[in-house]
Amino acid sequence: GLFLARGLWMLLDSPRLQERWVKVLPHLNDTLLLTAAIAMVVVGDLGLLDNPWLIAKIVGLLLYIGLGTMALKRGKTKAQRTGYFVTALAVFGYIIAVAVTKQVLPGVD
């Protein structure tokens, strides 16, 4: 939800993007998500080679974080940032689909 709000603020050139909590909270969230992914593998004793969907989910998470950074900080033009933002949302949807179906390519049998 916060990423969606931040993306909309970026599109609208809102000064809210410059608020301290808006800059700090996403880093905490990304750290929590990565820590949870690692913990799921270690505590759940899930072998990555036995669960390719888990690899896909973790790679998707890293891609989502990278795209989010490009969308909100590093994209040079608003058009680039918008493209990264839309792509990050698509990757987020993919991560959810993988988590629900436990398939690397959800919907493909």
PDB file of N, CA and C in Angstrom:
ATOM      1  N   GLY A   1       0.800  -1.186   0.000  1.00  0.00           N
ATOM      2  CA  GLY A   1       0.000   0.000   0.000  1.00  0.00           C
ATOM      3  C   GLY A   1       0.853   1.265   0.000  1.00  0.00           C
ATOM      4  N   LEU A   2       1.921   1.231   0.813  1.00  0.00           N
ATOM      5  CA  LEU A   2       2.779   2.421   0.882  1.00  0.00           C
ATOM      6  C   LEU A   2       3.498   2.642  -0.446  1.00  0.00           C
ATOM      7  N   PHE A   3       3.924   1.555  -1.099  1.00  0.00           N
ATOM      8  CA  PHE A   3       4.592   1.722  -2.395  1.00  0.00           C
ATOM      9  C   PHE A   3       3.636   2.341  -3.408  1.00  0.00           C
ATOM     10  N   LEU A   4       2.406   1.904  -3.401  1.00  0.00           N
ATOM     11  CA  LEU A   4       1.406   2.464  -4.307  1.00  0.00           C
ATOM     12  C   LEU A   4       1.208   3.957  -4.029  1.00  0.00           C
ATOM     13  N   ALA A   5       1.086   4.305  -2.761  1.00  0.00           N
ATOM     14  CA  ALA A   5       0.932   5.719  -2.384  1.00  0.00           C
ATOM     15  C   ALA A   5       2.157   6.528  -2.812  1.00  0.00           C
ATOM     16  N   ARG A   6       3.333   6.000  -2.561  1.00  0.00           N
ATOM     17  CA  ARG A   6       4.559   6.711  -2.933  1.00  0.00           C
ATOM     18  C   ARG A   6       4.651   6.881  -4.443  1.00  0.00           C
ATOM     19  N   GLY A   7       4.237   5.865  -5.177  1.00  0.00           N
ATOM     20  CA  GLY A   7       4.241   5.972  -6.632  1.00  0.00           C
ATOM     21  C   GLY A   7       3.285   7.040  -7.127  1.00  0.00           C
ATOM     22  N   LEU A   8       2.108   7.094  -6.528  1.00  0.00           N
ATOM     23  CA  LEU A   8       1.148   8.133  -6.900  1.00  0.00           C
ATOM     24  C   LEU A   8       1.677   9.517  -6.539  1.00  0.00           C
ATOM     25  N   TRP A   9       2.314   9.620  -5.385  1.00  0.00           N
ATOM     26  CA  TRP A   9       2.906  10.903  -4.991  1.00  0.00           C
ATOM     27  C   TRP A   9       3.999  11.315  -5.977  1.00  0.00           C
ATOM     28  N   MET A  10       4.765  10.330  -6.450  1.00  0.00           N
ATOM     29  CA  MET A  10       5.803  10.625  -7.436  1.00  0.00           C
ATOM     30  C   MET A  10       5.163  11.164  -8.713  1.00  0.00           C
ATOM     31  N   LEU A  11       4.103  10.515  -9.159  1.00  0.00           N
ATOM     32  CA  LEU A  11       3.427  10.940 -10.391  1.00  0.00           C
ATOM     33  C   LEU A  11       2.837  12.346 -10.261  1.00  0.00           C
ATOM     34  N   LEU A  12       2.406  12.686  -9.053  1.00  0.00           N
ATOM     35  CA  LEU A  12       1.785  13.992  -8.794  1.00  0.00           C
ATOM     36  C   LEU A  12       2.783  15.049  -8.315  1.00  0.00           C
ATOM     37  N   ASP A  13       4.074  14.672  -8.246  1.00  0.00           N
ATOM     38  CA  ASP A  13       5.116  15.578  -7.731  1.00  0.00           C
ATOM     39  C   ASP A  13       4.789  16.088  -6.333  1.00  0.00           C
ATOM     40  N   SER A  14       4.276  15.203  -5.495  1.00  0.00           N
ATOM     41  CA  SER A  14       3.875  15.595  -4.150  1.00  0.00           C
ATOM     42  C   SER A  14       5.091  15.787  -3.244  1.00  0.00           C
ATOM     43  N   PRO A  15       5.060  16.830  -2.423  1.00  0.00           N
ATOM     44  CA  PRO A  15       6.141  17.032  -1.456  1.00  0.00           C
ATOM     45  C   PRO A  15       6.146  15.975  -0.342  1.00  0.00           C
ATOM     46  N   ARG A  16       5.078  15.193  -0.245  1.00  0.00           N
ATOM     47  CA  ARG A  16       5.029  14.145   0.788  1.00  0.00           C
ATOM     48  C   ARG A  16       6.171  13.147   0.639  1.00  0.00           C
ATOM     49  N   LEU A  17       6.677  12.972  -0.584  1.00  0.00           N
ATOM     50  CA  LEU A  17       7.788  12.047  -0.803  1.00  0.00           C
ATOM     51  C   LEU A  17       9.039  12.455  -0.040  1.00  0.00           C
ATOM     52  N   GLN A  18       9.121  13.702   0.348  1.00  0.00           N
ATOM     53  CA  GLN A  18      10.311  14.191   1.045  1.00  0.00           C
ATOM     54  C   GLN A  18      10.208  14.068   2.563  1.00  0.00           C
ATOM     55  N   GLU A  19       9.064  13.629   3.068  1.00  0.00           N
ATOM     56  CA  GLU A  19       8.907  13.472   4.517  1.00  0.00           C
ATOM     57  C   GLU A  19       9.799  12.336   5.011  1.00  0.00           C
ATOM     58  N   ARG A  20      10.357  12.538   6.192  1.00  0.00           N
ATOM     59  CA  ARG A  20      11.340  11.584   6.739  1.00  0.00           C
ATOM     60  C   ARG A  20      10.778  10.176   6.845  1.00  0.00           C
ATOM     61  N   TRP A  21       9.574  10.016   7.387  1.00  0.00           N
ATOM     62  CA  TRP A  21       9.020   8.676   7.583  1.00  0.00           C
ATOM     63  C   TRP A  21       8.797   7.969   6.248  1.00  0.00           C
ATOM     64  N   VAL A  22       8.510   8.744   5.202  1.00  0.00           N
ATOM     65  CA  VAL A  22       8.283   8.168   3.879  1.00  0.00           C
ATOM     66  C   VAL A  22       9.597   7.641   3.302  1.00  0.00           C
ATOM     67  N   LYS A  23      10.691   8.241   3.708  1.00  0.00           N
ATOM     68  CA  LYS A  23      12.004   7.797   3.242  1.00  0.00           C
ATOM     69  C   LYS A  23      12.545   6.621   4.059  1.00  0.00           C
ATOM     70  N   VAL A  24      12.198   6.547   5.334  1.00  0.00           N
ATOM     71  CA  VAL A  24      12.757   5.525   6.225  1.00  0.00           C
ATOM     72  C   VAL A  24      11.946   4.229   6.214  1.00  0.00           C
ATOM     73  N   LEU A  25      10.640   4.333   6.294  1.00  0.00           N
ATOM     74  CA  LEU A  25       9.791   3.151   6.425  1.00  0.00           C
ATOM     75  C   LEU A  25       9.987   2.107   5.318  1.00  0.00           C
ATOM     76  N   PRO A  26      10.135   2.495   4.054  1.00  0.00           N
ATOM     77  CA  PRO A  26      10.331   1.476   3.015  1.00  0.00           C
ATOM     78  C   PRO A  26      11.592   0.637   3.215  1.00  0.00           C
ATOM     79  N   HIS A  27      12.651   1.241   3.748  1.00  0.00           N
ATOM     80  CA  HIS A  27      13.878   0.477   4.006  1.00  0.00           C
ATOM     81  C   HIS A  27      13.634  -0.569   5.095  1.00  0.00           C
ATOM     82  N   LEU A  28      12.885  -0.182   6.103  1.00  0.00           N
ATOM     83  CA  LEU A  28      12.548  -1.129   7.163  1.00  0.00           C
ATOM     84  C   LEU A  28      11.684  -2.261   6.612  1.00  0.00           C
ATOM     85  N   ASN A  29      10.729  -1.906   5.772  1.00  0.00           N
ATOM     86  CA  ASN A  29       9.844  -2.904   5.182  1.00  0.00           C
ATOM     87  C   ASN A  29      10.616  -3.873   4.287  1.00  0.00           C
ATOM     88  N   ASP A  30      11.494  -3.352   3.432  1.00  0.00           N
ATOM     89  CA  ASP A  30      12.279  -4.219   2.550  1.00  0.00           C
ATOM     90  C   ASP A  30      13.174  -5.147   3.351  1.00  0.00           C
ATOM     91  N   THR A  31      13.770  -4.625   4.411  1.00  0.00           N
ATOM     92  CA  THR A  31      14.612  -5.459   5.275  1.00  0.00           C
ATOM     93  C   THR A  31      13.788  -6.559   5.920  1.00  0.00           C
ATOM     94  N   LEU A  32      12.596  -6.220   6.384  1.00  0.00           N
ATOM     95  CA  LEU A  32      11.709  -7.214   6.988  1.00  0.00           C
ATOM     96  C   LEU A  32      11.326  -8.296   5.978  1.00  0.00           C
ATOM     97  N   LEU A  33      10.994  -7.894   4.754  1.00  0.00           N
ATOM     98  CA  LEU A  33      10.612  -8.867   3.725  1.00  0.00           C
ATOM     99  C   LEU A  33      11.761  -9.810   3.387  1.00  0.00           C
ATOM    100  N   LEU A  34      12.969  -9.267   3.227  1.00  0.00           N
ATOM    101  CA  LEU A  34      14.125 -10.121   2.925  1.00  0.00           C
ATOM    102  C   LEU A  34      14.454 -11.040   4.088  1.00  0.00           C
ATOM    103  N   THR A  35      14.360 -10.518   5.303  1.00  0.00           N
ATOM    104  CA  THR A  35      14.615 -11.338   6.491  1.00  0.00           C
ATOM    105  C   THR A  35      13.590 -12.456   6.593  1.00  0.00           C
ATOM    106  N   ALA A  36      12.337 -12.150   6.321  1.00  0.00           N
ATOM    107  CA  ALA A  36      11.287 -13.175   6.364  1.00  0.00           C
ATOM    108  C   ALA A  36      11.529 -14.250   5.314  1.00  0.00           C
ATOM    109  N   ALA A  37      11.986 -13.857   4.140  1.00  0.00           N
ATOM    110  CA  ALA A  37      12.264 -14.836   3.081  1.00  0.00           C
ATOM    111  C   ALA A  37      13.386 -15.782   3.502  1.00  0.00           C
ATOM    112  N   ILE A  38      14.441 -15.220   4.058  1.00  0.00           N
ATOM    113  CA  ILE A  38      15.564 -16.044   4.511  1.00  0.00           C
ATOM    114  C   ILE A  38      15.130 -16.934   5.668  1.00  0.00           C
ATOM    115  N   ALA A  39      14.372 -16.384   6.597  1.00  0.00           N
ATOM    116  CA  ALA A  39      13.889 -17.161   7.738  1.00  0.00           C
ATOM    117  C   ALA A  39      12.995 -18.307   7.276  1.00  0.00           C
ATOM    118  N   MET A  40      12.170 -18.059   6.274  1.00  0.00           N
ATOM    119  CA  MET A  40      11.281 -19.107   5.769  1.00  0.00           C
ATOM    120  C   MET A  40      12.100 -20.271   5.227  1.00  0.00           C
ATOM    121  N   VAL A  41      13.189 -19.974   4.561  1.00  0.00           N
ATOM    122  CA  VAL A  41      14.041 -21.023   4.008  1.00  0.00           C
ATOM    123  C   VAL A  41      14.741 -21.781   5.134  1.00  0.00           C
ATOM    124  N   VAL A  42      15.295 -21.047   6.097  1.00  0.00           N
ATOM    125  CA  VAL A  42      16.086 -21.663   7.166  1.00  0.00           C
ATOM    126  C   VAL A  42      15.201 -22.378   8.186  1.00  0.00           C
ATOM    127  N   VAL A  43      14.242 -21.681   8.755  1.00  0.00           N
ATOM    128  CA  VAL A  43      13.399 -22.245   9.808  1.00  0.00           C
ATOM    129  C   VAL A  43      12.469 -23.317   9.247  1.00  0.00           C
ATOM    130  N   GLY A  44      11.938 -23.046   8.067  1.00  0.00           N
ATOM    131  CA  GLY A  44      11.018 -24.010   7.456  1.00  0.00           C
ATOM    132  C   GLY A  44      11.730 -25.202   6.852  1.00  0.00           C
ATOM    133  N   ASP A  45      13.069 -25.173   6.889  1.00  0.00           N
ATOM    134  CA  ASP A  45      13.882 -26.259   6.340  1.00  0.00           C
ATOM    135  C   ASP A  45      13.458 -26.556   4.894  1.00  0.00           C
ATOM    136  N   LEU A  46      13.241 -25.482   4.137  1.00  0.00           N
ATOM    137  CA  LEU A  46      12.831 -25.613   2.748  1.00  0.00           C
ATOM    138  C   LEU A  46      14.067 -25.553   1.858  1.00  0.00           C
ATOM    139  N   GLY A  47      14.354 -26.626   1.182  1.00  0.00           N
ATOM    140  CA  GLY A  47      15.475 -26.633   0.257  1.00  0.00           C
ATOM    141  C   GLY A  47      15.122 -25.822  -0.974  1.00  0.00           C
ATOM    142  N   LEU A  48      15.971 -24.878  -1.317  1.00  0.00           N
ATOM    143  CA  LEU A  48      15.684 -24.028  -2.464  1.00  0.00           C
ATOM    144  C   LEU A  48      15.604 -24.842  -3.757  1.00  0.00           C
ATOM    145  N   LEU A  49      16.456 -25.846  -3.877  1.00  0.00           N
ATOM    146  CA  LEU A  49      16.435 -26.654  -5.100  1.00  0.00           C
ATOM    147  C   LEU A  49      15.185 -27.513  -5.190  1.00  0.00           C
ATOM    148  N   ASP A  50      14.583 -27.823  -4.055  1.00  0.00           N
ATOM    149  CA  ASP A  50      13.351 -28.604  -4.040  1.00  0.00           C
ATOM    150  C   ASP A  50      12.113 -27.728  -4.195  1.00  0.00           C
ATOM    151  N   ASN A  51      12.281 -26.429  -4.092  1.00  0.00           N
ATOM    152  CA  ASN A  51      11.159 -25.491  -4.150  1.00  0.00           C
ATOM    153  C   ASN A  51      11.486 -24.334  -5.090  1.00  0.00           C
ATOM    154  N   PRO A  52      11.465 -24.579  -6.394  1.00  0.00           N
ATOM    155  CA  PRO A  52      11.827 -23.503  -7.332  1.00  0.00           C
ATOM    156  C   PRO A  52      10.911 -22.282  -7.227  1.00  0.00           C
ATOM    157  N   TRP A  53       9.687 -22.466  -6.773  1.00  0.00           N
ATOM    158  CA  TRP A  53       8.783 -21.328  -6.595  1.00  0.00           C
ATOM    159  C   TRP A  53       9.336 -20.359  -5.562  1.00  0.00           C
ATOM    160  N   LEU A  54      10.050 -20.896  -4.566  1.00  0.00           N
ATOM    161  CA  LEU A  54      10.621 -20.050  -3.527  1.00  0.00           C
ATOM    162  C   LEU A  54      11.766 -19.203  -4.090  1.00  0.00           C
ATOM    163  N   ILE A  55      12.565 -19.809  -4.942  1.00  0.00           N
ATOM    164  CA  ILE A  55      13.624 -19.048  -5.620  1.00  0.00           C
ATOM    165  C   ILE A  55      12.981 -17.934  -6.448  1.00  0.00           C
ATOM    166  N   ALA A  56      11.927 -18.269  -7.185  1.00  0.00           N
ATOM    167  CA  ALA A  56      11.243 -17.279  -8.021  1.00  0.00           C
ATOM    168  C   ALA A  56      10.699 -16.144  -7.167  1.00  0.00           C
ATOM    169  N   LYS A  57      10.176 -16.477  -6.016  1.00  0.00           N
ATOM    170  CA  LYS A  57       9.604 -15.457  -5.131  1.00  0.00           C
ATOM    171  C   LYS A  57      10.695 -14.524  -4.584  1.00  0.00           C
ATOM    172  N   ILE A  58      11.816 -15.086  -4.192  1.00  0.00           N
ATOM    173  CA  ILE A  58      12.919 -14.279  -3.659  1.00  0.00           C
ATOM    174  C   ILE A  58      13.527 -13.412  -4.762  1.00  0.00           C
ATOM    175  N   VAL A  59      13.735 -13.992  -5.943  1.00  0.00           N
ATOM    176  CA  VAL A  59      14.249 -13.203  -7.070  1.00  0.00           C
ATOM    177  C   VAL A  59      13.252 -12.099  -7.424  1.00  0.00           C
ATOM    178  N   GLY A  60      11.967 -12.430  -7.408  1.00  0.00           N
ATOM    179  CA  GLY A  60      10.941 -11.429  -7.663  1.00  0.00           C
ATOM    180  C   GLY A  60      10.992 -10.303  -6.646  1.00  0.00           C
ATOM    181  N   LEU A  61      11.210 -10.647  -5.389  1.00  0.00           N
ATOM    182  CA  LEU A  61      11.300  -9.627  -4.337  1.00  0.00           C
ATOM    183  C   LEU A  61      12.487  -8.700  -4.581  1.00  0.00           C
ATOM    184  N   LEU A  62      13.636  -9.272  -4.930  1.00  0.00           N
ATOM    185  CA  LEU A  62      14.814  -8.451  -5.216  1.00  0.00           C
ATOM    186  C   LEU A  62      14.575  -7.554  -6.432  1.00  0.00           C
ATOM    187  N   LEU A  63      13.921  -8.096  -7.446  1.00  0.00           N
ATOM    188  CA  LEU A  63      13.595  -7.321  -8.635  1.00  0.00           C
ATOM    189  C   LEU A  63      12.624  -6.184  -8.284  1.00  0.00           C
ATOM    190  N   TYR A  64      11.620  -6.499  -7.475  1.00  0.00           N
ATOM    191  CA  TYR A  64      10.636  -5.504  -7.027  1.00  0.00           C
ATOM    192  C   TYR A  64      11.340  -4.367  -6.282  1.00  0.00           C
ATOM    193  N   ILE A  65      12.255  -4.690  -5.399  1.00  0.00           N
ATOM    194  CA  ILE A  65      12.979  -3.661  -4.643  1.00  0.00           C
ATOM    195  C   ILE A  65      13.808  -2.805  -5.596  1.00  0.00           C
ATOM    196  N   GLY A  66      14.505  -3.443  -6.530  1.00  0.00           N
ATOM    197  CA  GLY A  66      15.313  -2.698  -7.490  1.00  0.00           C
ATOM    198  C   GLY A  66      14.469  -1.785  -8.374  1.00  0.00           C
ATOM    199  N   LEU A  67      13.355  -2.311  -8.875  1.00  0.00           N
ATOM    200  CA  LEU A  67      12.466  -1.501  -9.707  1.00  0.00           C
ATOM    201  C   LEU A  67      11.861  -0.350  -8.908  1.00  0.00           C
ATOM    202  N   GLY A  68      11.527  -0.628  -7.650  1.00  0.00           N
ATOM    203  CA  GLY A  68      10.979   0.427  -6.792  1.00  0.00           C
ATOM    204  C   GLY A  68      11.967   1.550  -6.578  1.00  0.00           C
ATOM    205  N   THR A  69      13.224   1.196  -6.415  1.00  0.00           N
ATOM    206  CA  THR A  69      14.270   2.210  -6.258  1.00  0.00           C
ATOM    207  C   THR A  69      14.385   3.058  -7.514  1.00  0.00           C
ATOM    208  N   MET A  70      14.324   2.396  -8.660  1.00  0.00           N
ATOM    209  CA  MET A  70      14.391   3.142  -9.921  1.00  0.00           C
ATOM    210  C   MET A  70      13.159   4.035 -10.089  1.00  0.00           C
ATOM    211  N   ALA A  71      12.007   3.533  -9.681  1.00  0.00           N
ATOM    212  CA  ALA A  71      10.765   4.289  -9.845  1.00  0.00           C
ATOM    213  C   ALA A  71      10.714   5.525  -8.959  1.00  0.00           C
ATOM    214  N   LEU A  72      11.242   5.415  -7.766  1.00  0.00           N
ATOM    215  CA  LEU A  72      11.047   6.503  -6.807  1.00  0.00           C
ATOM    216  C   LEU A  72      12.285   7.358  -6.560  1.00  0.00           C
ATOM    217  N   LYS A  73      13.456   6.887  -6.997  1.00  0.00           N
ATOM    218  CA  LYS A  73      14.665   7.651  -6.702  1.00  0.00           C
ATOM    219  C   LYS A  73      15.572   7.841  -7.911  1.00  0.00           C
ATOM    220  N   ARG A  74      15.840   6.783  -8.633  1.00  0.00           N
ATOM    221  CA  ARG A  74      16.928   6.807  -9.585  1.00  0.00           C
ATOM    222  C   ARG A  74      16.535   7.005 -11.052  1.00  0.00           C
ATOM    223  N   GLY A  75      15.260   6.891 -11.359  1.00  0.00           N
ATOM    224  CA  GLY A  75      14.827   7.125 -12.736  1.00  0.00           C
ATOM    225  C   GLY A  75      15.093   8.569 -13.128  1.00  0.00           C
ATOM    226  N   LYS A  76      15.647   8.771 -14.317  1.00  0.00           N
ATOM    227  CA  LYS A  76      16.059  10.116 -14.724  1.00  0.00           C
ATOM    228  C   LYS A  76      14.890  11.005 -15.135  1.00  0.00           C
ATOM    229  N   THR A  77      13.891  10.428 -15.773  1.00  0.00           N
ATOM    230  CA  THR A  77      12.744  11.219 -16.215  1.00  0.00           C
ATOM    231  C   THR A  77      11.473  10.651 -15.578  1.00  0.00           C
ATOM    232  N   LYS A  78      10.424  11.449 -15.592  1.00  0.00           N
ATOM    233  CA  LYS A  78       9.163  10.961 -15.040  1.00  0.00           C
ATOM    234  C   LYS A  78       8.644   9.781 -15.861  1.00  0.00           C
ATOM    235  N   ALA A  79       8.865   9.800 -17.168  1.00  0.00           N
ATOM    236  CA  ALA A  79       8.435   8.683 -18.019  1.00  0.00           C
ATOM    237  C   ALA A  79       9.160   7.394 -17.611  1.00  0.00           C
ATOM    238  N   GLN A  80      10.453   7.476 -17.359  1.00  0.00           N
ATOM    239  CA  GLN A  80      11.206   6.299 -16.899  1.00  0.00           C
ATOM    240  C   GLN A  80      10.685   5.833 -15.544  1.00  0.00           C
ATOM    241  N   ARG A  81      10.519   6.771 -14.625  1.00  0.00           N
ATOM    242  CA  ARG A  81      10.047   6.415 -13.287  1.00  0.00           C
ATOM    243  C   ARG A  81       8.666   5.774 -13.349  1.00  0.00           C
ATOM    244  N   THR A  82       7.807   6.289 -14.236  1.00  0.00           N
ATOM    245  CA  THR A  82       6.472   5.714 -14.393  1.00  0.00           C
ATOM    246  C   THR A  82       6.563   4.285 -14.914  1.00  0.00           C
ATOM    247  N   GLY A  83       7.424   4.054 -15.883  1.00  0.00           N
ATOM    248  CA  GLY A  83       7.618   2.705 -16.419  1.00  0.00           C
ATOM    249  C   GLY A  83       8.123   1.742 -15.358  1.00  0.00           C
ATOM    250  N   TYR A  84       9.091   2.180 -14.580  1.00  0.00           N
ATOM    251  CA  TYR A  84       9.604   1.341 -13.494  1.00  0.00           C
ATOM    252  C   TYR A  84       8.519   1.067 -12.447  1.00  0.00           C
ATOM    253  N   PHE A  85       7.721   2.085 -12.166  1.00  0.00           N
ATOM    254  CA  PHE A  85       6.650   1.941 -11.175  1.00  0.00           C
ATOM    255  C   PHE A  85       5.629   0.892 -11.628  1.00  0.00           C
ATOM    256  N   VAL A  86       5.180   0.989 -12.863  1.00  0.00           N
ATOM    257  CA  VAL A  86       4.200   0.034 -13.397  1.00  0.00           C
ATOM    258  C   VAL A  86       4.801  -1.373 -13.425  1.00  0.00           C
ATOM    259  N   THR A  87       6.058  -1.483 -13.821  1.00  0.00           N
ATOM    260  CA  THR A  87       6.721  -2.789 -13.862  1.00  0.00           C
ATOM    261  C   THR A  87       6.872  -3.361 -12.460  1.00  0.00           C
ATOM    262  N   ALA A  88       7.205  -2.522 -11.490  1.00  0.00           N
ATOM    263  CA  ALA A  88       7.322  -2.984 -10.100  1.00  0.00           C
ATOM    264  C   ALA A  88       5.979  -3.514  -9.595  1.00  0.00           C
ATOM    265  N   LEU A  89       4.892  -2.837  -9.946  1.00  0.00           N
ATOM    266  CA  LEU A  89       3.566  -3.319  -9.543  1.00  0.00           C
ATOM    267  C   LEU A  89       3.257  -4.671 -10.189  1.00  0.00           C
ATOM    268  N   ALA A  90       3.650  -4.847 -11.444  1.00  0.00           N
ATOM    269  CA  ALA A  90       3.446  -6.134 -12.120  1.00  0.00           C
ATOM    270  C   ALA A  90       4.255  -7.236 -11.443  1.00  0.00           C
ATOM    271  N   VAL A  91       5.488  -6.926 -11.063  1.00  0.00           N
ATOM    272  CA  VAL A  91       6.328  -7.913 -10.366  1.00  0.00           C
ATOM    273  C   VAL A  91       5.713  -8.244  -9.010  1.00  0.00           C
ATOM    274  N   PHE A  92       5.171  -7.252  -8.331  1.00  0.00           N
ATOM    275  CA  PHE A  92       4.499  -7.512  -7.051  1.00  0.00           C
ATOM    276  C   PHE A  92       3.336  -8.490  -7.254  1.00  0.00           C
ATOM    277  N   GLY A  93       2.557  -8.271  -8.311  1.00  0.00           N
ATOM    278  CA  GLY A  93       1.471  -9.197  -8.630  1.00  0.00           C
ATOM    279  C   GLY A  93       1.986 -10.602  -8.884  1.00  0.00           C
ATOM    280  N   TYR A  94       3.108 -10.698  -9.584  1.00  0.00           N
ATOM    281  CA  TYR A  94       3.730 -11.999  -9.842  1.00  0.00           C
ATOM    282  C   TYR A  94       4.131 -12.674  -8.525  1.00  0.00           C
ATOM    283  N   ILE A  95       4.735 -11.910  -7.624  1.00  0.00           N
ATOM    284  CA  ILE A  95       5.156 -12.465  -6.326  1.00  0.00           C
ATOM    285  C   ILE A  95       3.948 -13.038  -5.584  1.00  0.00           C
ATOM    286  N   ILE A  96       2.849 -12.309  -5.579  1.00  0.00           N
ATOM    287  CA  ILE A  96       1.624 -12.779  -4.914  1.00  0.00           C
ATOM    288  C   ILE A  96       1.130 -14.058  -5.580  1.00  0.00           C
ATOM    289  N   ALA A  97       1.110 -14.080  -6.911  1.00  0.00           N
ATOM    290  CA  ALA A  97       0.645 -15.270  -7.633  1.00  0.00           C
ATOM    291  C   ALA A  97       1.524 -16.482  -7.335  1.00  0.00           C
ATOM    292  N   VAL A  98       2.824 -16.282  -7.281  1.00  0.00           N
ATOM    293  CA  VAL A  98       3.746 -17.380  -6.960  1.00  0.00           C
ATOM    294  C   VAL A  98       3.507 -17.873  -5.539  1.00  0.00           C
ATOM    295  N   ALA A  99       3.310 -16.953  -4.608  1.00  0.00           N
ATOM    296  CA  ALA A  99       3.074 -17.334  -3.214  1.00  0.00           C
ATOM    297  C   ALA A  99       1.795 -18.148  -3.073  1.00  0.00           C
ATOM    298  N   VAL A 100       0.765 -17.779  -3.810  1.00  0.00           N
ATOM    299  CA  VAL A 100      -0.522 -18.461  -3.703  1.00  0.00           C
ATOM    300  C   VAL A 100      -0.495 -19.833  -4.386  1.00  0.00           C
ATOM    301  N   THR A 101       0.102 -19.888  -5.581  1.00  0.00           N
ATOM    302  CA  THR A 101       0.069 -21.127  -6.370  1.00  0.00           C
ATOM    303  C   THR A 101       1.247 -22.062  -6.114  1.00  0.00           C
ATOM    304  N   LYS A 102       2.334 -21.494  -5.571  1.00  0.00           N
ATOM    305  CA  LYS A 102       3.590 -22.230  -5.391  1.00  0.00           C
ATOM    306  C   LYS A 102       4.071 -22.800  -6.731  1.00  0.00           C
ATOM    307  N   GLN A 103       3.912 -21.993  -7.778  1.00  0.00           N
ATOM    308  CA  GLN A 103       4.376 -22.318  -9.112  1.00  0.00           C
ATOM    309  C   GLN A 103       5.218 -21.159  -9.629  1.00  0.00           C
ATOM    310  N   VAL A 104       6.325 -21.487 -10.333  1.00  0.00           N
ATOM    311  CA  VAL A 104       7.176 -20.455 -10.888  1.00  0.00           C
ATOM    312  C   VAL A 104       6.421 -19.659 -11.949  1.00  0.00           C
ATOM    313  N   LEU A 105       5.609 -20.358 -12.737  1.00  0.00           N
ATOM    314  CA  LEU A 105       4.773 -19.709 -13.752  1.00  0.00           C
ATOM    315  C   LEU A 105       3.301 -19.978 -13.402  1.00  0.00           C
ATOM    316  N   PRO A 106       2.738 -19.162 -12.535  1.00  0.00           N
ATOM    317  CA  PRO A 106       1.355 -19.374 -12.130  1.00  0.00           C
ATOM    318  C   PRO A 106       0.399 -19.431 -13.322  1.00  0.00           C
ATOM    319  N   GLY A 107      -0.481 -20.403 -13.299  1.00  0.00           N
ATOM    320  CA  GLY A 107      -1.454 -20.533 -14.357  1.00  0.00           C
ATOM    321  C   GLY A 107      -0.991 -21.380 -15.525  1.00  0.00           C
ATOM    322  N   VAL A 108       0.296 -21.768 -15.525  1.00  0.00           N
ATOM    323  CA  VAL A 108       0.837 -22.609 -16.586  1.00  0.00           C
ATOM    324  C   VAL A 108       1.096 -23.984 -15.989  1.00  0.00           C
ATOM    325  N   ASP A 109       0.443 -24.978 -16.531  1.00  0.00           N
ATOM    326  CA  ASP A 109       0.624 -26.326 -15.974  1.00  0.00           C
ATOM    327  C   ASP A 109       1.622 -27.135 -16.745  1.00  0.00           C
TER     328      ASP A 109
END
